[in-house]
Amino acid sequence: MNYYFITGTSSGIGQALATELLKNENNHVFGISRRQNLMDVNFTPVVLNLANIEEVNGFHFPKLENPEKVVLINNAGQIGDIKPIGDSDNKAIADLFTVNVTSVAIFMNKFISNYASLPVAKTILNVSSGAGKNPIEGWATYCGSKAAVDLLSLTTFTEQQRALNPVMVYSIAPGVVDTEMQASIRASNEKDFSKHKHFVDLKANNELTSPLEVADKYIMILNQPENFKACIFSLRDVK
C-alpha cells in the first residue's frame, strides 16, 4: 500500500490530489484539514487546524501496515493579510507563519523521525510559490513564509543525503492556480496591493491553472522521482 498524508484536502490542490490518488486502490490518503468533504474506503480524515500549534504538536503519524511508499504533502497555506508591513494585523501574521512554515517544519520533523527506519520510498513534497523568490508589495509575510519553506526544504534535502533510509524532499511552486486563495487575492483592496489588477485579469482572461492539472503534475513527479532530482523548482518547467 502507498500512504499519502496531505494537508488542506478540503479544497483546491489538496482536494484534487486526494481525489486523483484515490482512483488507485493501492493508495491510502490521510486528509489533514479543518473541513472534510471526501469519502472513500481508502481515505482517512484527520480534522486539524494548522493555525493551532497545540493541535499541530498533538498530531502523530501512525504505524503503517505493509507500506510500499510513504509521502507527506504539505499543501495547506494561506495568503494572510494582504497589506504592507506596518498596516498588517499581528494575529494574521502569526497565523500565517504557523500554517505556512511552523506546521510544515513540525510535520517534516515528525514524518522523518517516525519513519526513519522504513526501508521504502519516502518523499516530502512542500507546495511552494514563486512569491518566495520575488518581493510582492502587500505580500511580505506570504513571500517570507514561502522563502522559508524553500530553504527549510533544501537544508533537509541536504541532510537526508547522509541518512540510512533517506527521504526525498521537494519544494515545488505550482504556478498561479484557480483556488480559494486566488479569490481572496482578487477580493483584496487594490490600495494595499499594487498587483491587484494583474490577478483580476488572470481570472478574467482564463489564465489560471486548474487544481487538477497541478495535481496530475505533482503525482507524475512523485511517481517518477528518478526524473526529478532537484529539490526546488516550478511546475511551469515540467512538461
Protein backbone atom coordinates (compact mmCIF):
# COMPACT_ATOMS: atom_id res chain seq x y z
CA MET A 1 0.00 0.00 0.00
CA ASN A 2 1.12 3.55 -0.77
CA TYR A 3 0.35 6.02 2.01
CA TYR A 4 -0.15 9.75 1.44
CA PHE A 5 -0.53 12.39 4.14
CA ILE A 6 -1.91 15.58 2.59
CA THR A 7 -2.70 18.84 4.36
CA GLY A 8 -5.50 21.05 3.12
CA THR A 9 -7.66 18.44 1.37
CA SER A 10 -10.94 20.34 1.72
CA SER A 11 -10.47 22.32 -1.50
CA GLY A 12 -8.12 23.34 -4.27
CA ILE A 13 -4.89 21.48 -4.95
CA GLY A 14 -5.17 19.30 -1.85
CA GLN A 15 -8.63 18.07 -2.74
CA ALA A 16 -7.58 17.42 -6.35
CA LEU A 17 -4.53 15.46 -5.17
CA ALA A 18 -6.58 13.30 -2.82
CA THR A 19 -9.28 12.68 -5.42
CA GLU A 20 -6.79 11.64 -8.09
CA LEU A 21 -4.73 9.45 -5.78
CA LEU A 22 -7.81 7.63 -4.52
CA LYS A 23 -8.53 6.41 -8.05
CA ASN A 24 -5.77 3.87 -7.40
CA GLU A 25 -6.96 1.25 -4.90
CA ASN A 26 -3.35 0.71 -3.79
CA ASN A 27 -3.24 4.26 -2.39
CA HIS A 28 -4.43 5.30 1.06
CA VAL A 29 -4.82 9.01 1.78
CA PHE A 30 -4.84 10.71 5.16
CA GLY A 31 -6.53 14.07 4.61
CA ILE A 32 -5.45 16.66 7.19
CA SER A 33 -7.82 19.62 7.19
CA ARG A 34 -10.24 21.66 9.29
CA ARG A 35 -13.11 20.65 7.00
CA GLN A 36 -13.65 17.21 5.50
CA ASN A 37 -15.72 16.56 2.40
CA LEU A 38 -14.21 13.43 0.87
CA MET A 39 -15.49 9.91 1.41
CA ASP A 40 -13.66 6.78 0.28
CA VAL A 41 -12.76 3.44 1.81
CA ASN A 42 -9.09 4.42 1.40
CA PHE A 43 -9.49 7.93 2.81
CA THR A 44 -8.84 8.69 6.49
CA PRO A 45 -9.99 12.16 7.57
CA VAL A 46 -7.84 13.95 10.16
CA VAL A 47 -9.59 17.05 11.49
CA LEU A 48 -6.87 19.50 12.46
CA ASN A 49 -6.42 23.28 12.48
CA LEU A 50 -2.88 24.02 11.30
CA ALA A 51 -3.07 27.52 12.78
CA ASN A 52 -3.37 25.94 16.24
CA ILE A 53 0.13 24.97 17.33
CA GLU A 54 -1.17 22.70 20.10
CA GLU A 55 -3.15 20.68 17.58
CA VAL A 56 -0.13 20.50 15.27
CA ASN A 57 2.11 19.31 18.11
CA GLY A 58 -0.53 16.76 19.10
CA PHE A 59 -0.60 15.08 15.70
CA HIS A 60 1.23 11.74 15.41
CA PHE A 61 1.98 9.80 12.26
CA PRO A 62 0.50 6.30 12.61
CA LYS A 63 2.10 2.91 12.26
CA LEU A 64 1.58 1.74 8.69
CA GLU A 65 0.69 -1.74 7.50
CA ASN A 66 2.92 -3.10 4.72
CA PRO A 67 3.98 0.28 3.31
CA GLU A 68 5.50 0.37 -0.17
CA LYS A 69 5.70 4.15 -0.42
CA VAL A 70 5.10 6.91 2.15
CA VAL A 71 4.52 10.54 1.14
CA LEU A 72 3.89 13.75 3.06
CA ILE A 73 2.44 16.62 1.02
CA ASN A 74 2.43 19.95 2.86
CA ASN A 75 -0.14 21.67 0.67
CA ALA A 76 -2.16 23.82 3.09
CA GLY A 77 -1.33 27.51 3.11
CA GLN A 78 -2.82 30.94 3.49
CA ILE A 79 -2.18 34.29 1.82
CA GLY A 80 -2.79 36.13 5.08
CA ASP A 81 -3.44 39.84 5.49
CA ILE A 82 -2.79 41.48 2.11
CA LYS A 83 -1.38 44.72 3.43
CA PRO A 84 2.06 46.35 3.70
CA ILE A 85 4.11 45.63 6.80
CA GLY A 86 3.18 48.39 9.21
CA ASP A 87 -0.52 48.07 8.37
CA SER A 88 -0.89 44.30 8.85
CA ASP A 89 -2.76 42.57 11.66
CA ASN A 90 -0.37 40.93 14.13
CA LYS A 91 -2.53 37.85 14.72
CA ALA A 92 -2.85 37.36 10.98
CA ILE A 93 0.95 37.44 10.70
CA ALA A 94 1.33 34.86 13.46
CA ASP A 95 -1.35 32.57 11.99
CA LEU A 96 0.21 32.74 8.52
CA PHE A 97 3.65 31.70 9.71
CA THR A 98 2.16 28.95 11.87
CA VAL A 99 0.29 27.46 8.91
CA ASN A 100 2.83 28.14 6.15
CA VAL A 101 6.09 27.48 8.00
CA THR A 102 5.87 26.17 11.57
CA SER A 103 3.36 23.40 10.87
CA VAL A 104 5.36 22.40 7.77
CA ALA A 105 8.59 22.14 9.77
CA ILE A 106 6.92 20.18 12.59
CA PHE A 107 5.22 17.77 10.18
CA MET A 108 8.51 17.21 8.36
CA ASN A 109 10.29 16.61 11.66
CA LYS A 110 7.67 14.13 12.87
CA PHE A 111 7.48 12.36 9.50
CA ILE A 112 11.23 11.84 9.17
CA SER A 113 11.61 10.81 12.81
CA ASN A 114 8.68 8.41 12.79
CA TYR A 115 9.53 6.63 9.54
CA ALA A 116 13.34 6.84 9.68
CA SER A 117 13.78 3.07 9.85
CA LEU A 118 11.40 2.25 6.99
CA PRO A 119 13.46 0.95 4.02
CA VAL A 120 10.88 2.10 1.46
CA ALA A 121 10.46 5.08 -0.86
CA LYS A 122 9.70 8.15 1.25
CA THR A 123 9.01 11.64 -0.03
CA ILE A 124 8.11 15.05 1.35
CA LEU A 125 6.53 17.45 -1.14
CA ASN A 126 6.13 21.03 0.04
CA VAL A 127 3.90 23.25 -2.10
CA SER A 128 5.98 26.37 -2.54
CA SER A 129 5.44 29.56 -4.53
CA GLY A 130 7.27 31.88 -6.89
CA ALA A 131 6.46 34.53 -4.27
CA GLY A 132 9.23 33.01 -2.17
CA LYS A 133 11.76 34.29 -4.69
CA ASN A 134 10.30 37.68 -5.58
CA PRO A 135 9.18 40.64 -3.44
CA ILE A 136 5.49 41.41 -3.99
CA GLU A 137 4.09 44.51 -2.32
CA GLY A 138 1.38 43.64 0.18
CA TRP A 139 2.58 40.03 0.41
CA ALA A 140 5.63 40.45 2.66
CA THR A 141 4.55 37.76 5.12
CA TYR A 142 3.48 35.33 2.40
CA CYS A 143 6.69 35.89 0.42
CA GLY A 144 8.74 35.44 3.58
CA SER A 145 6.94 32.25 4.52
CA LYS A 146 7.48 30.64 1.12
CA ALA A 147 11.15 31.66 1.08
CA ALA A 148 11.45 29.95 4.45
CA VAL A 149 9.83 26.78 3.10
CA ASP A 150 12.27 26.67 0.19
CA LEU A 151 15.35 26.88 2.41
CA LEU A 152 13.85 24.55 5.01
CA SER A 153 13.29 22.02 2.23
CA LEU A 154 16.73 22.43 0.67
CA THR A 155 18.53 22.08 4.00
CA THR A 156 16.52 18.97 4.89
CA PHE A 157 17.16 17.58 1.40
CA THR A 158 20.90 18.06 2.00
CA GLU A 159 20.74 16.41 5.44
CA GLN A 160 18.92 13.40 4.04
CA GLN A 161 21.79 12.60 1.68
CA ARG A 162 23.54 11.10 4.73
CA ALA A 163 20.57 9.16 6.07
CA LEU A 164 20.47 5.35 6.02
CA ASN A 165 16.93 5.34 4.60
CA PRO A 166 16.74 8.82 3.07
CA VAL A 167 13.64 10.88 2.42
CA MET A 168 13.41 12.74 -0.89
CA VAL A 169 12.41 16.36 -0.30
CA TYR A 170 10.80 18.68 -2.85
CA SER A 171 9.69 22.30 -2.67
CA ILE A 172 7.74 22.87 -5.88
CA ALA A 173 5.88 26.01 -6.91
CA PRO A 174 2.61 25.22 -8.73
CA GLY A 175 2.23 28.49 -10.63
CA VAL A 176 -0.93 30.59 -10.48
CA VAL A 177 -3.79 28.21 -9.69
CA ASP A 178 -7.56 28.76 -9.62
CA THR A 179 -8.13 28.24 -5.88
CA GLU A 180 -9.83 29.93 -2.92
CA MET A 181 -6.56 31.76 -2.29
CA GLN A 182 -6.84 33.43 -5.69
CA ALA A 183 -10.38 34.52 -4.82
CA SER A 184 -9.02 36.12 -1.63
CA ILE A 185 -6.37 37.94 -3.66
CA ARG A 186 -8.97 39.34 -6.06
CA ALA A 187 -11.11 40.44 -3.10
CA SER A 188 -8.26 42.42 -1.55
CA ASN A 189 -8.05 46.22 -1.51
CA GLU A 190 -6.14 47.45 -4.56
CA LYS A 191 -4.77 50.34 -2.46
CA ASP A 192 -2.88 47.75 -0.38
CA PHE A 193 -1.86 45.52 -3.29
CA SER A 194 -0.22 47.08 -6.34
CA LYS A 195 -0.69 43.95 -8.49
CA HIS A 196 -4.40 43.63 -7.78
CA LYS A 197 -5.47 44.30 -11.39
CA HIS A 198 -2.99 41.75 -12.72
CA PHE A 199 -4.58 38.96 -10.68
CA VAL A 200 -8.10 40.08 -11.57
CA ASP A 201 -7.11 39.96 -15.23
CA LEU A 202 -5.62 36.47 -14.89
CA LYS A 203 -9.04 35.16 -13.85
CA ALA A 204 -10.91 37.22 -16.44
CA ASN A 205 -8.64 36.01 -19.23
CA ASN A 206 -8.82 32.36 -18.13
CA GLU A 207 -5.08 32.22 -17.46
CA LEU A 208 -5.24 30.34 -14.16
CA THR A 209 -4.12 26.72 -14.00
CA SER A 210 -6.70 24.24 -12.71
CA PRO A 211 -6.06 22.36 -9.43
CA LEU A 212 -6.49 19.08 -11.36
CA GLU A 213 -3.70 19.94 -13.79
CA VAL A 214 -1.41 20.80 -10.90
CA ALA A 215 -2.34 17.62 -9.01
CA ASP A 216 -1.59 15.46 -12.06
CA LYS A 217 1.86 17.01 -12.44
CA TYR A 218 2.67 16.58 -8.76
CA ILE A 219 1.61 12.92 -8.92
CA MET A 220 3.75 12.39 -12.03
CA ILE A 221 6.77 13.76 -10.15
CA LEU A 222 6.07 11.55 -7.15
CA ASN A 223 5.76 8.51 -9.42
CA GLN A 224 8.94 9.30 -11.40
CA PRO A 225 11.47 10.56 -8.83
CA GLU A 226 14.33 9.32 -10.99
CA ASN A 227 13.47 12.10 -13.46
CA PHE A 228 13.23 14.86 -10.85
CA LYS A 229 16.35 15.01 -8.72
CA ALA A 230 16.41 18.72 -7.82
CA CYS A 231 14.81 19.89 -4.60
CA ILE A 232 13.43 23.27 -5.68
CA PHE A 233 11.73 24.03 -8.98
CA SER A 234 8.47 25.15 -10.56
CA LEU A 235 5.74 23.13 -12.26
CA ARG A 236 5.97 25.64 -15.08
CA ASP A 237 9.24 23.94 -16.02
CA VAL A 238 7.63 20.49 -16.09
CA LYS A 239 6.23 19.46 -19.47
